[in-house]
Amino acid sequence: MDFSKIDLLKIDTEGSELAVLSGATDLIKRGKILSIQLENHMDDLRLSTYPSIVEYLTQNGFIHFKTVPHAFGNYTDEVFVLESVLNP
C-alpha cells in the first residue's frame, strides 16, 4: 500500500506529544500530515508543554481548528489543520 498523506494523526502519548511531533518533522514539513488531534490535559504537567506544541505546529503551517471538550475529566481534544488544506 502506498500512503501518500495522513489525513489525521491522533496523538495521545501522556506528555510526549512534542517528542512525537519532533519525530514526524519530515512528514510535517513535506505537508504529508493534514491534521493533528491531541489531548490537552488542563489539570496536570502537560499544561506547561501546550504552548510549545502550539508554537511548533504554527511554525509548521498548522492553525488551531477546533476544541472538543470531553464529557469526563478536565481535558479537551485540540484539532490543528494544515492551513493550506483550509485555504488552498
N, C-alpha and C. Protein backbone atom coordinates (compact mmCIF):
# COMPACT_ATOMS: atom_id res chain seq x y z
N MET A 1 0.84 -1.19 0.00
CA MET A 1 0.00 0.00 0.00
C MET A 1 0.88 1.24 0.00
N ASP A 2 0.41 2.22 -0.73
CA ASP A 2 1.12 3.49 -0.79
C ASP A 2 0.27 4.55 -0.09
N PHE A 3 0.76 5.02 1.02
CA PHE A 3 0.08 6.08 1.75
C PHE A 3 0.81 7.38 1.47
N SER A 4 0.22 8.22 0.65
CA SER A 4 0.90 9.46 0.29
C SER A 4 0.65 10.57 1.31
N LYS A 5 -0.46 10.49 2.04
CA LYS A 5 -0.77 11.51 3.05
C LYS A 5 -1.46 10.86 4.23
N ILE A 6 -1.34 11.52 5.36
CA ILE A 6 -2.06 11.12 6.57
C ILE A 6 -3.13 12.18 6.81
N ASP A 7 -4.39 11.77 6.75
CA ASP A 7 -5.48 12.74 6.94
C ASP A 7 -5.54 13.26 8.37
N LEU A 8 -5.41 12.36 9.34
CA LEU A 8 -5.50 12.75 10.75
C LEU A 8 -4.51 11.93 11.57
N LEU A 9 -3.63 12.62 12.25
CA LEU A 9 -2.71 11.98 13.18
C LEU A 9 -3.20 12.28 14.58
N LYS A 10 -3.66 11.26 15.31
CA LYS A 10 -4.12 11.44 16.69
C LYS A 10 -2.97 11.08 17.61
N ILE A 11 -2.63 12.02 18.48
CA ILE A 11 -1.51 11.81 19.40
C ILE A 11 -2.08 11.80 20.81
N ASP A 12 -1.89 10.69 21.51
CA ASP A 12 -2.30 10.55 22.91
C ASP A 12 -1.17 9.81 23.62
N THR A 13 -0.13 10.55 23.95
CA THR A 13 1.10 9.91 24.45
C THR A 13 1.46 10.33 25.87
N GLU A 14 0.48 10.84 26.59
CA GLU A 14 0.65 11.13 28.02
C GLU A 14 1.88 11.99 28.31
N GLY A 15 2.03 13.09 27.57
CA GLY A 15 3.09 14.03 27.86
C GLY A 15 4.24 14.03 26.88
N SER A 16 4.24 13.12 25.93
CA SER A 16 5.34 13.04 24.96
C SER A 16 4.93 13.57 23.58
N GLU A 17 3.91 14.40 23.55
CA GLU A 17 3.39 14.90 22.28
C GLU A 17 4.46 15.63 21.47
N LEU A 18 5.24 16.47 22.13
CA LEU A 18 6.26 17.23 21.40
C LEU A 18 7.33 16.31 20.82
N ALA A 19 7.66 15.24 21.53
CA ALA A 19 8.63 14.27 21.02
C ALA A 19 8.07 13.55 19.79
N VAL A 20 6.79 13.22 19.81
CA VAL A 20 6.16 12.57 18.66
C VAL A 20 6.17 13.52 17.46
N LEU A 21 5.80 14.77 17.70
CA LEU A 21 5.82 15.75 16.62
C LEU A 21 7.22 15.94 16.07
N SER A 22 8.18 15.99 16.94
CA SER A 22 9.57 16.14 16.51
C SER A 22 10.00 14.97 15.63
N GLY A 23 9.58 13.77 16.00
CA GLY A 23 9.90 12.59 15.21
C GLY A 23 9.21 12.57 13.86
N ALA A 24 8.12 13.31 13.74
CA ALA A 24 7.37 13.36 12.48
C ALA A 24 7.69 14.62 11.67
N THR A 25 8.74 15.33 12.06
CA THR A 25 9.07 16.61 11.42
C THR A 25 9.20 16.51 9.91
N ASP A 26 9.83 15.47 9.41
CA ASP A 26 10.00 15.34 7.96
C ASP A 26 8.64 15.27 7.26
N LEU A 27 7.74 14.45 7.78
CA LEU A 27 6.40 14.34 7.20
C LEU A 27 5.64 15.66 7.31
N ILE A 28 5.78 16.32 8.46
CA ILE A 28 5.09 17.59 8.68
C ILE A 28 5.60 18.65 7.71
N LYS A 29 6.90 18.78 7.58
CA LYS A 29 7.49 19.81 6.70
C LYS A 29 7.17 19.56 5.22
N ARG A 30 6.97 18.29 4.85
CA ARG A 30 6.62 17.98 3.47
C ARG A 30 5.11 18.03 3.21
N GLY A 31 4.33 18.42 4.24
CA GLY A 31 2.88 18.54 4.07
C GLY A 31 2.16 17.22 3.95
N LYS A 32 2.74 16.16 4.50
CA LYS A 32 2.14 14.83 4.39
C LYS A 32 1.11 14.55 5.47
N ILE A 33 1.10 15.36 6.53
CA ILE A 33 0.11 15.22 7.61
C ILE A 33 -0.83 16.41 7.50
N LEU A 34 -2.11 16.14 7.28
CA LEU A 34 -3.06 17.21 7.02
C LEU A 34 -3.70 17.78 8.27
N SER A 35 -3.88 16.95 9.30
CA SER A 35 -4.44 17.44 10.56
C SER A 35 -3.92 16.60 11.72
N ILE A 36 -3.90 17.23 12.88
CA ILE A 36 -3.36 16.60 14.09
C ILE A 36 -4.33 16.85 15.23
N GLN A 37 -4.64 15.78 15.95
CA GLN A 37 -5.51 15.88 17.12
C GLN A 37 -4.71 15.42 18.33
N LEU A 38 -4.76 16.22 19.39
CA LEU A 38 -4.07 15.82 20.62
C LEU A 38 -4.87 16.23 21.83
N GLU A 39 -4.63 15.53 22.94
CA GLU A 39 -5.32 15.84 24.18
C GLU A 39 -4.60 16.97 24.89
N ASN A 40 -5.39 17.84 25.50
CA ASN A 40 -4.86 18.91 26.32
C ASN A 40 -5.39 18.71 27.73
N HIS A 41 -4.55 18.16 28.59
CA HIS A 41 -4.94 17.96 29.99
C HIS A 41 -4.68 19.25 30.75
N MET A 42 -5.74 19.86 31.22
CA MET A 42 -5.61 21.15 31.88
C MET A 42 -5.32 21.02 33.36
N ASP A 43 -5.20 19.81 33.86
CA ASP A 43 -5.01 19.64 35.30
C ASP A 43 -3.74 18.86 35.64
N ASP A 44 -2.79 18.80 34.71
CA ASP A 44 -1.53 18.13 35.02
C ASP A 44 -0.35 18.87 34.39
N LEU A 45 0.81 18.28 34.44
CA LEU A 45 2.02 18.95 34.00
C LEU A 45 2.06 19.23 32.50
N ARG A 46 1.26 18.54 31.72
CA ARG A 46 1.27 18.77 30.27
C ARG A 46 0.81 20.16 29.90
N LEU A 47 0.09 20.80 30.81
CA LEU A 47 -0.34 22.15 30.53
C LEU A 47 0.86 23.04 30.20
N SER A 48 1.99 22.78 30.84
CA SER A 48 3.18 23.61 30.60
C SER A 48 3.80 23.36 29.22
N THR A 49 3.55 22.22 28.60
CA THR A 49 4.11 21.94 27.28
C THR A 49 3.17 22.38 26.15
N TYR A 50 1.93 22.66 26.46
CA TYR A 50 0.96 23.01 25.42
C TYR A 50 1.38 24.23 24.60
N PRO A 51 1.85 25.32 25.21
CA PRO A 51 2.29 26.46 24.38
C PRO A 51 3.41 26.10 23.41
N SER A 52 4.31 25.22 23.81
CA SER A 52 5.39 24.79 22.91
C SER A 52 4.85 23.98 21.75
N ILE A 53 3.85 23.17 22.01
CA ILE A 53 3.21 22.38 20.96
C ILE A 53 2.53 23.30 19.95
N VAL A 54 1.78 24.28 20.46
CA VAL A 54 1.09 25.23 19.58
C VAL A 54 2.11 26.00 18.75
N GLU A 55 3.20 26.43 19.36
CA GLU A 55 4.24 27.16 18.64
C GLU A 55 4.84 26.30 17.53
N TYR A 56 5.15 25.04 17.85
CA TYR A 56 5.71 24.12 16.85
C TYR A 56 4.76 23.95 15.67
N LEU A 57 3.49 23.71 15.97
CA LEU A 57 2.52 23.49 14.91
C LEU A 57 2.32 24.75 14.06
N THR A 58 2.25 25.89 14.70
CA THR A 58 2.09 27.16 13.99
C THR A 58 3.28 27.42 13.06
N GLN A 59 4.46 27.18 13.57
CA GLN A 59 5.67 27.39 12.75
C GLN A 59 5.71 26.45 11.55
N ASN A 60 4.96 25.37 11.63
CA ASN A 60 4.96 24.40 10.54
C ASN A 60 3.67 24.42 9.72
N GLY A 61 2.96 25.56 9.76
CA GLY A 61 1.84 25.76 8.85
C GLY A 61 0.48 25.30 9.33
N PHE A 62 0.35 24.93 10.60
CA PHE A 62 -0.93 24.48 11.13
C PHE A 62 -1.64 25.62 11.83
N ILE A 63 -2.96 25.57 11.81
CA ILE A 63 -3.76 26.51 12.58
C ILE A 63 -4.70 25.71 13.48
N HIS A 64 -5.05 26.32 14.62
CA HIS A 64 -5.99 25.66 15.52
C HIS A 64 -7.36 25.68 14.86
N PHE A 65 -7.97 24.51 14.78
CA PHE A 65 -9.24 24.37 14.06
C PHE A 65 -10.42 24.23 15.01
N LYS A 66 -10.24 23.39 16.05
CA LYS A 66 -11.38 23.11 16.91
C LYS A 66 -10.93 22.59 18.26
N THR A 67 -11.69 22.95 19.29
CA THR A 67 -11.54 22.40 20.64
C THR A 67 -12.76 21.53 20.92
N VAL A 68 -12.52 20.29 21.30
CA VAL A 68 -13.61 19.35 21.58
C VAL A 68 -13.53 18.97 23.06
N PRO A 69 -14.48 19.47 23.87
CA PRO A 69 -14.45 19.12 25.30
C PRO A 69 -14.85 17.67 25.52
N HIS A 70 -14.24 17.06 26.51
CA HIS A 70 -14.61 15.69 26.87
C HIS A 70 -15.74 15.72 27.90
N ALA A 71 -16.55 14.71 27.88
CA ALA A 71 -17.67 14.62 28.81
C ALA A 71 -17.22 14.29 30.23
N PHE A 72 -16.01 13.78 30.34
CA PHE A 72 -15.49 13.44 31.67
C PHE A 72 -14.06 13.94 31.76
N GLY A 73 -13.63 14.25 32.95
CA GLY A 73 -12.26 14.73 33.14
C GLY A 73 -12.10 16.18 32.73
N ASN A 74 -10.98 16.73 33.09
CA ASN A 74 -10.70 18.13 32.82
C ASN A 74 -9.73 18.25 31.64
N TYR A 75 -10.18 17.82 30.48
CA TYR A 75 -9.33 17.92 29.30
C TYR A 75 -10.16 18.03 28.03
N THR A 76 -9.48 18.44 26.99
CA THR A 76 -10.10 18.61 25.68
C THR A 76 -9.24 17.95 24.63
N ASP A 77 -9.84 17.72 23.48
CA ASP A 77 -9.07 17.36 22.31
C ASP A 77 -8.91 18.63 21.50
N GLU A 78 -7.70 18.90 21.06
CA GLU A 78 -7.41 20.06 20.24
C GLU A 78 -7.08 19.57 18.83
N VAL A 79 -7.72 20.16 17.85
CA VAL A 79 -7.51 19.76 16.46
C VAL A 79 -6.83 20.91 15.72
N PHE A 80 -5.73 20.59 15.07
CA PHE A 80 -4.97 21.54 14.26
C PHE A 80 -4.98 21.05 12.83
N VAL A 81 -5.16 21.97 11.89
CA VAL A 81 -5.24 21.60 10.48
C VAL A 81 -4.19 22.41 9.71
N LEU A 82 -3.59 21.75 8.75
CA LEU A 82 -2.64 22.43 7.87
C LEU A 82 -3.39 23.56 7.16
N GLU A 83 -2.88 24.77 7.30
CA GLU A 83 -3.59 25.93 6.77
C GLU A 83 -3.85 25.80 5.27
N SER A 84 -2.95 25.21 4.54
CA SER A 84 -3.16 25.06 3.08
C SER A 84 -4.33 24.15 2.74
N VAL A 85 -4.76 23.32 3.68
CA VAL A 85 -5.94 22.46 3.45
C VAL A 85 -7.21 23.32 3.56
N LEU A 86 -7.22 24.24 4.51
CA LEU A 86 -8.40 25.09 4.70
C LEU A 86 -8.45 26.23 3.70
N ASN A 87 -7.29 26.72 3.30
CA ASN A 87 -7.20 27.85 2.37
C ASN A 87 -6.30 27.47 1.18
N PRO A 88 -6.85 26.64 0.29
CA PRO A 88 -5.98 26.15 -0.82
C PRO A 88 -5.55 27.23 -1.80
